[in-house]
Amino acid sequence: MPDKVRFFVWRQDGRIVAFAECMLQGRAFYAEYIGLDYAVAIDLHLYHYAYRDMVSWAIANGYKEFRSSGLNYDPKLHLRHRLDPIDLYVRHTSKILNQTLKVLLPLLEPTKYDKTLRKFANYNELWGG
């Protein structure tokens, strides 16, 4: 998929210290996965350098939107990202179990209770209130 995927690798003294896999679609650049060498990641601020380099590459190559996967919400909050809604559907083959899941899943959904997510400017848009 050379027309849809980009891989970024950061090295220090010849050793890989960070890696990112990104997808391209239309005007959007999707930063999907990042791997960091946590022995040096915090001291080197690798997450922020990786972000900077990916955004710089995307801008230089004409992409107008930067999107990334879930998690790492605190850096995204400070970089003024907006949240995109993601629909997740869970369905079991048993109709009886589905009735139970319908009641339990909203209580178990982890992002609804994440305190960092509530700080995003558009958090209320996602939950309708």
C-alpha atoms as a PDB file:
ATOM      1  CA  MET A   1       0.000   0.000   0.000  1.00  0.00           C
ATOM      2  CA  PRO A   2       2.695   2.548  -0.881  1.00  0.00           C
ATOM      3  CA  ASP A   3       0.047   5.080  -1.926  1.00  0.00           C
ATOM      4  CA  LYS A   4      -1.738   4.928   1.465  1.00  0.00           C
ATOM      5  CA  VAL A   5       0.870   4.265   4.180  1.00  0.00           C
ATOM      6  CA  ARG A   6       3.880   6.126   5.512  1.00  0.00           C
ATOM      7  CA  PHE A   7       6.357   4.864   8.081  1.00  0.00           C
ATOM      8  CA  PHE A   8       8.495   7.213  10.150  1.00  0.00           C
ATOM      9  CA  VAL A   9      11.555   6.083  12.107  1.00  0.00           C
ATOM     10  CA  TRP A  10      13.570   8.173  14.543  1.00  0.00           C
ATOM     11  CA  ARG A  11      17.078   7.097  15.503  1.00  0.00           C
ATOM     12  CA  GLN A  12      19.637   8.080  18.108  1.00  0.00           C
ATOM     13  CA  ASP A  13      23.209   6.894  17.592  1.00  0.00           C
ATOM     14  CA  GLY A  14      21.966   4.409  14.980  1.00  0.00           C
ATOM     15  CA  ARG A  15      19.406   2.848  17.371  1.00  0.00           C
ATOM     16  CA  ILE A  16      15.675   3.154  16.672  1.00  0.00           C
ATOM     17  CA  VAL A  17      14.045   5.160  19.468  1.00  0.00           C
ATOM     18  CA  ALA A  18      10.636   5.879  17.883  1.00  0.00           C
ATOM     19  CA  PHE A  19       8.472   4.549  15.079  1.00  0.00           C
ATOM     20  CA  ALA A  20       5.152   5.693  13.613  1.00  0.00           C
ATOM     21  CA  GLU A  21       2.774   4.206  11.048  1.00  0.00           C
ATOM     22  CA  CYS A  22       0.471   6.643   9.263  1.00  0.00           C
ATOM     23  CA  MET A  23      -2.297   6.377   6.685  1.00  0.00           C
ATOM     24  CA  LEU A  24      -3.200   8.821   3.930  1.00  0.00           C
ATOM     25  CA  GLN A  25      -6.735   9.379   2.652  1.00  0.00           C
ATOM     26  CA  GLY A  26      -7.743  12.322   0.502  1.00  0.00           C
ATOM     27  CA  ARG A  27      -6.775  15.517   2.321  1.00  0.00           C
ATOM     28  CA  ALA A  28      -6.285  13.744   5.657  1.00  0.00           C
ATOM     29  CA  PHE A  29      -3.150  12.386   7.303  1.00  0.00           C
ATOM     30  CA  TYR A  30      -3.914   9.759   9.958  1.00  0.00           C
ATOM     31  CA  ALA A  31      -1.263   9.116  12.615  1.00  0.00           C
ATOM     32  CA  GLU A  32      -2.299   5.603  13.595  1.00  0.00           C
ATOM     33  CA  TYR A  33       0.400   3.922  15.676  1.00  0.00           C
ATOM     34  CA  ILE A  34       3.481   5.129  17.478  1.00  0.00           C
ATOM     35  CA  GLY A  35       6.107   3.126  19.291  1.00  0.00           C
ATOM     36  CA  LEU A  36       8.629   4.692  21.627  1.00  0.00           C
ATOM     37  CA  ASP A  37      11.735   3.433  23.394  1.00  0.00           C
ATOM     38  CA  TYR A  38      10.574   4.304  26.894  1.00  0.00           C
ATOM     39  CA  ALA A  39      14.119   4.112  28.264  1.00  0.00           C
ATOM     40  CA  VAL A  40      14.729   7.474  26.527  1.00  0.00           C
ATOM     41  CA  ALA A  41      11.283   8.687  25.412  1.00  0.00           C
ATOM     42  CA  ILE A  42      10.538  11.024  28.297  1.00  0.00           C
ATOM     43  CA  ASP A  43      14.006  12.563  28.513  1.00  0.00           C
ATOM     44  CA  LEU A  44      14.097  13.137  24.742  1.00  0.00           C
ATOM     45  CA  HIS A  45      10.447  14.283  24.499  1.00  0.00           C
ATOM     46  CA  LEU A  46       9.999  11.761  21.694  1.00  0.00           C
ATOM     47  CA  TYR A  47       6.212  11.968  21.525  1.00  0.00           C
ATOM     48  CA  HIS A  48       6.344  15.703  20.809  1.00  0.00           C
ATOM     49  CA  TYR A  49       9.200  15.431  18.302  1.00  0.00           C
ATOM     50  CA  ALA A  50       7.357  12.642  16.502  1.00  0.00           C
ATOM     51  CA  TYR A  51       4.186  14.733  16.418  1.00  0.00           C
ATOM     52  CA  ARG A  52       6.079  17.769  15.126  1.00  0.00           C
ATOM     53  CA  ASP A  53       7.807  15.769  12.417  1.00  0.00           C
ATOM     54  CA  MET A  54       4.616  14.061  11.235  1.00  0.00           C
ATOM     55  CA  VAL A  55       2.661  17.332  11.124  1.00  0.00           C
ATOM     56  CA  SER A  56       5.546  19.059   9.316  1.00  0.00           C
ATOM     57  CA  TRP A  57       5.691  16.264   6.751  1.00  0.00           C
ATOM     58  CA  ALA A  58       1.907  16.352   6.267  1.00  0.00           C
ATOM     59  CA  ILE A  59       1.894  20.134   5.735  1.00  0.00           C
ATOM     60  CA  ALA A  60       4.860  19.963   3.352  1.00  0.00           C
ATOM     61  CA  ASN A  61       3.020  17.325   1.320  1.00  0.00           C
ATOM     62  CA  GLY A  62      -0.270  19.216   1.054  1.00  0.00           C
ATOM     63  CA  TYR A  63      -2.423  17.452   3.659  1.00  0.00           C
ATOM     64  CA  LYS A  64      -5.056  19.684   5.250  1.00  0.00           C
ATOM     65  CA  GLU A  65      -6.249  17.522   8.164  1.00  0.00           C
ATOM     66  CA  PHE A  66      -4.261  15.719  10.847  1.00  0.00           C
ATOM     67  CA  ARG A  67      -6.105  12.943  12.622  1.00  0.00           C
ATOM     68  CA  SER A  68      -4.844  10.406  15.086  1.00  0.00           C
ATOM     69  CA  SER A  69      -6.022   7.379  16.952  1.00  0.00           C
ATOM     70  CA  GLY A  70      -7.399   7.365  20.466  1.00  0.00           C
ATOM     71  CA  LEU A  71      -5.286   7.492  23.609  1.00  0.00           C
ATOM     72  CA  ASN A  72      -2.559   9.950  24.537  1.00  0.00           C
ATOM     73  CA  TYR A  73      -5.309  12.474  25.222  1.00  0.00           C
ATOM     74  CA  ASP A  74      -3.285  14.810  27.438  1.00  0.00           C
ATOM     75  CA  PRO A  75      -0.770  15.856  24.735  1.00  0.00           C
ATOM     76  CA  LYS A  76      -3.622  16.195  22.244  1.00  0.00           C
ATOM     77  CA  LEU A  77      -5.490  18.461  24.666  1.00  0.00           C
ATOM     78  CA  HIS A  78      -2.455  20.737  25.005  1.00  0.00           C
ATOM     79  CA  LEU A  79      -1.999  20.781  21.232  1.00  0.00           C
ATOM     80  CA  ARG A  80      -5.660  21.909  20.900  1.00  0.00           C
ATOM     81  CA  HIS A  81      -6.964  18.881  19.043  1.00  0.00           C
ATOM     82  CA  ARG A  82     -10.692  18.378  18.709  1.00  0.00           C
ATOM     83  CA  LEU A  83     -12.320  15.040  19.388  1.00  0.00           C
ATOM     84  CA  ASP A  84     -13.900  13.048  16.578  1.00  0.00           C
ATOM     85  CA  PRO A  85     -16.814  10.775  17.408  1.00  0.00           C
ATOM     86  CA  ILE A  86     -16.135   7.089  16.921  1.00  0.00           C
ATOM     87  CA  ASP A  87     -19.014   4.655  16.825  1.00  0.00           C
ATOM     88  CA  LEU A  88     -18.381   1.294  18.412  1.00  0.00           C
ATOM     89  CA  TYR A  89     -20.932  -1.441  18.094  1.00  0.00           C
ATOM     90  CA  VAL A  90     -21.007  -4.593  20.183  1.00  0.00           C
ATOM     91  CA  ARG A  91     -23.402  -7.376  19.406  1.00  0.00           C
ATOM     92  CA  HIS A  92     -23.569 -10.960  20.602  1.00  0.00           C
ATOM     93  CA  THR A  93     -25.250 -13.819  18.759  1.00  0.00           C
ATOM     94  CA  SER A  94     -27.572 -14.335  21.743  1.00  0.00           C
ATOM     95  CA  LYS A  95     -30.585 -12.003  21.858  1.00  0.00           C
ATOM     96  CA  ILE A  96     -30.835 -12.437  25.625  1.00  0.00           C
ATOM     97  CA  LEU A  97     -27.199 -11.514  26.172  1.00  0.00           C
ATOM     98  CA  ASN A  98     -27.650  -8.504  23.881  1.00  0.00           C
ATOM     99  CA  GLN A  99     -30.357  -7.144  26.205  1.00  0.00           C
ATOM    100  CA  THR A 100     -27.923  -7.414  29.121  1.00  0.00           C
ATOM    101  CA  LEU A 101     -25.120  -5.798  27.117  1.00  0.00           C
ATOM    102  CA  LYS A 102     -27.429  -2.924  26.182  1.00  0.00           C
ATOM    103  CA  VAL A 103     -27.673  -2.025  29.883  1.00  0.00           C
ATOM    104  CA  LEU A 104     -24.088  -2.830  30.932  1.00  0.00           C
ATOM    105  CA  LEU A 105     -21.976  -1.412  28.096  1.00  0.00           C
ATOM    106  CA  PRO A 106     -22.805   2.263  28.697  1.00  0.00           C
ATOM    107  CA  LEU A 107     -21.634   1.788  32.301  1.00  0.00           C
ATOM    108  CA  LEU A 108     -18.413   0.060  31.247  1.00  0.00           C
ATOM    109  CA  GLU A 109     -17.449   2.384  28.400  1.00  0.00           C
ATOM    110  CA  PRO A 110     -14.028   3.711  29.518  1.00  0.00           C
ATOM    111  CA  THR A 111     -13.750   7.056  27.726  1.00  0.00           C
ATOM    112  CA  LYS A 112     -16.986   8.431  29.157  1.00  0.00           C
ATOM    113  CA  TYR A 113     -15.314   8.718  32.565  1.00  0.00           C
ATOM    114  CA  ASP A 114     -11.894   9.954  31.399  1.00  0.00           C
ATOM    115  CA  LYS A 115     -11.242  13.305  33.144  1.00  0.00           C
ATOM    116  CA  THR A 116      -8.864  14.557  30.429  1.00  0.00           C
ATOM    117  CA  LEU A 117     -11.462  14.062  27.695  1.00  0.00           C
ATOM    118  CA  ARG A 118     -13.903  16.321  29.547  1.00  0.00           C
ATOM    119  CA  LYS A 119     -11.438  19.219  29.119  1.00  0.00           C
ATOM    120  CA  PHE A 120     -11.644  19.160  25.302  1.00  0.00           C
ATOM    121  CA  ALA A 121     -13.611  22.074  23.853  1.00  0.00           C
ATOM    122  CA  ASN A 122     -16.011  19.811  21.958  1.00  0.00           C
ATOM    123  CA  TYR A 123     -16.464  17.014  24.530  1.00  0.00           C
ATOM    124  CA  ASN A 124     -20.137  17.869  25.080  1.00  0.00           C
ATOM    125  CA  GLU A 125     -20.829  17.551  21.357  1.00  0.00           C
ATOM    126  CA  LEU A 126     -19.890  13.883  21.568  1.00  0.00           C
ATOM    127  CA  TRP A 127     -22.202  12.990  24.444  1.00  0.00           C
ATOM    128  CA  GLY A 128     -25.095  15.251  23.553  1.00  0.00           C
ATOM    129  CA  GLY A 129     -24.989  17.360  26.676  1.00  0.00           C
END
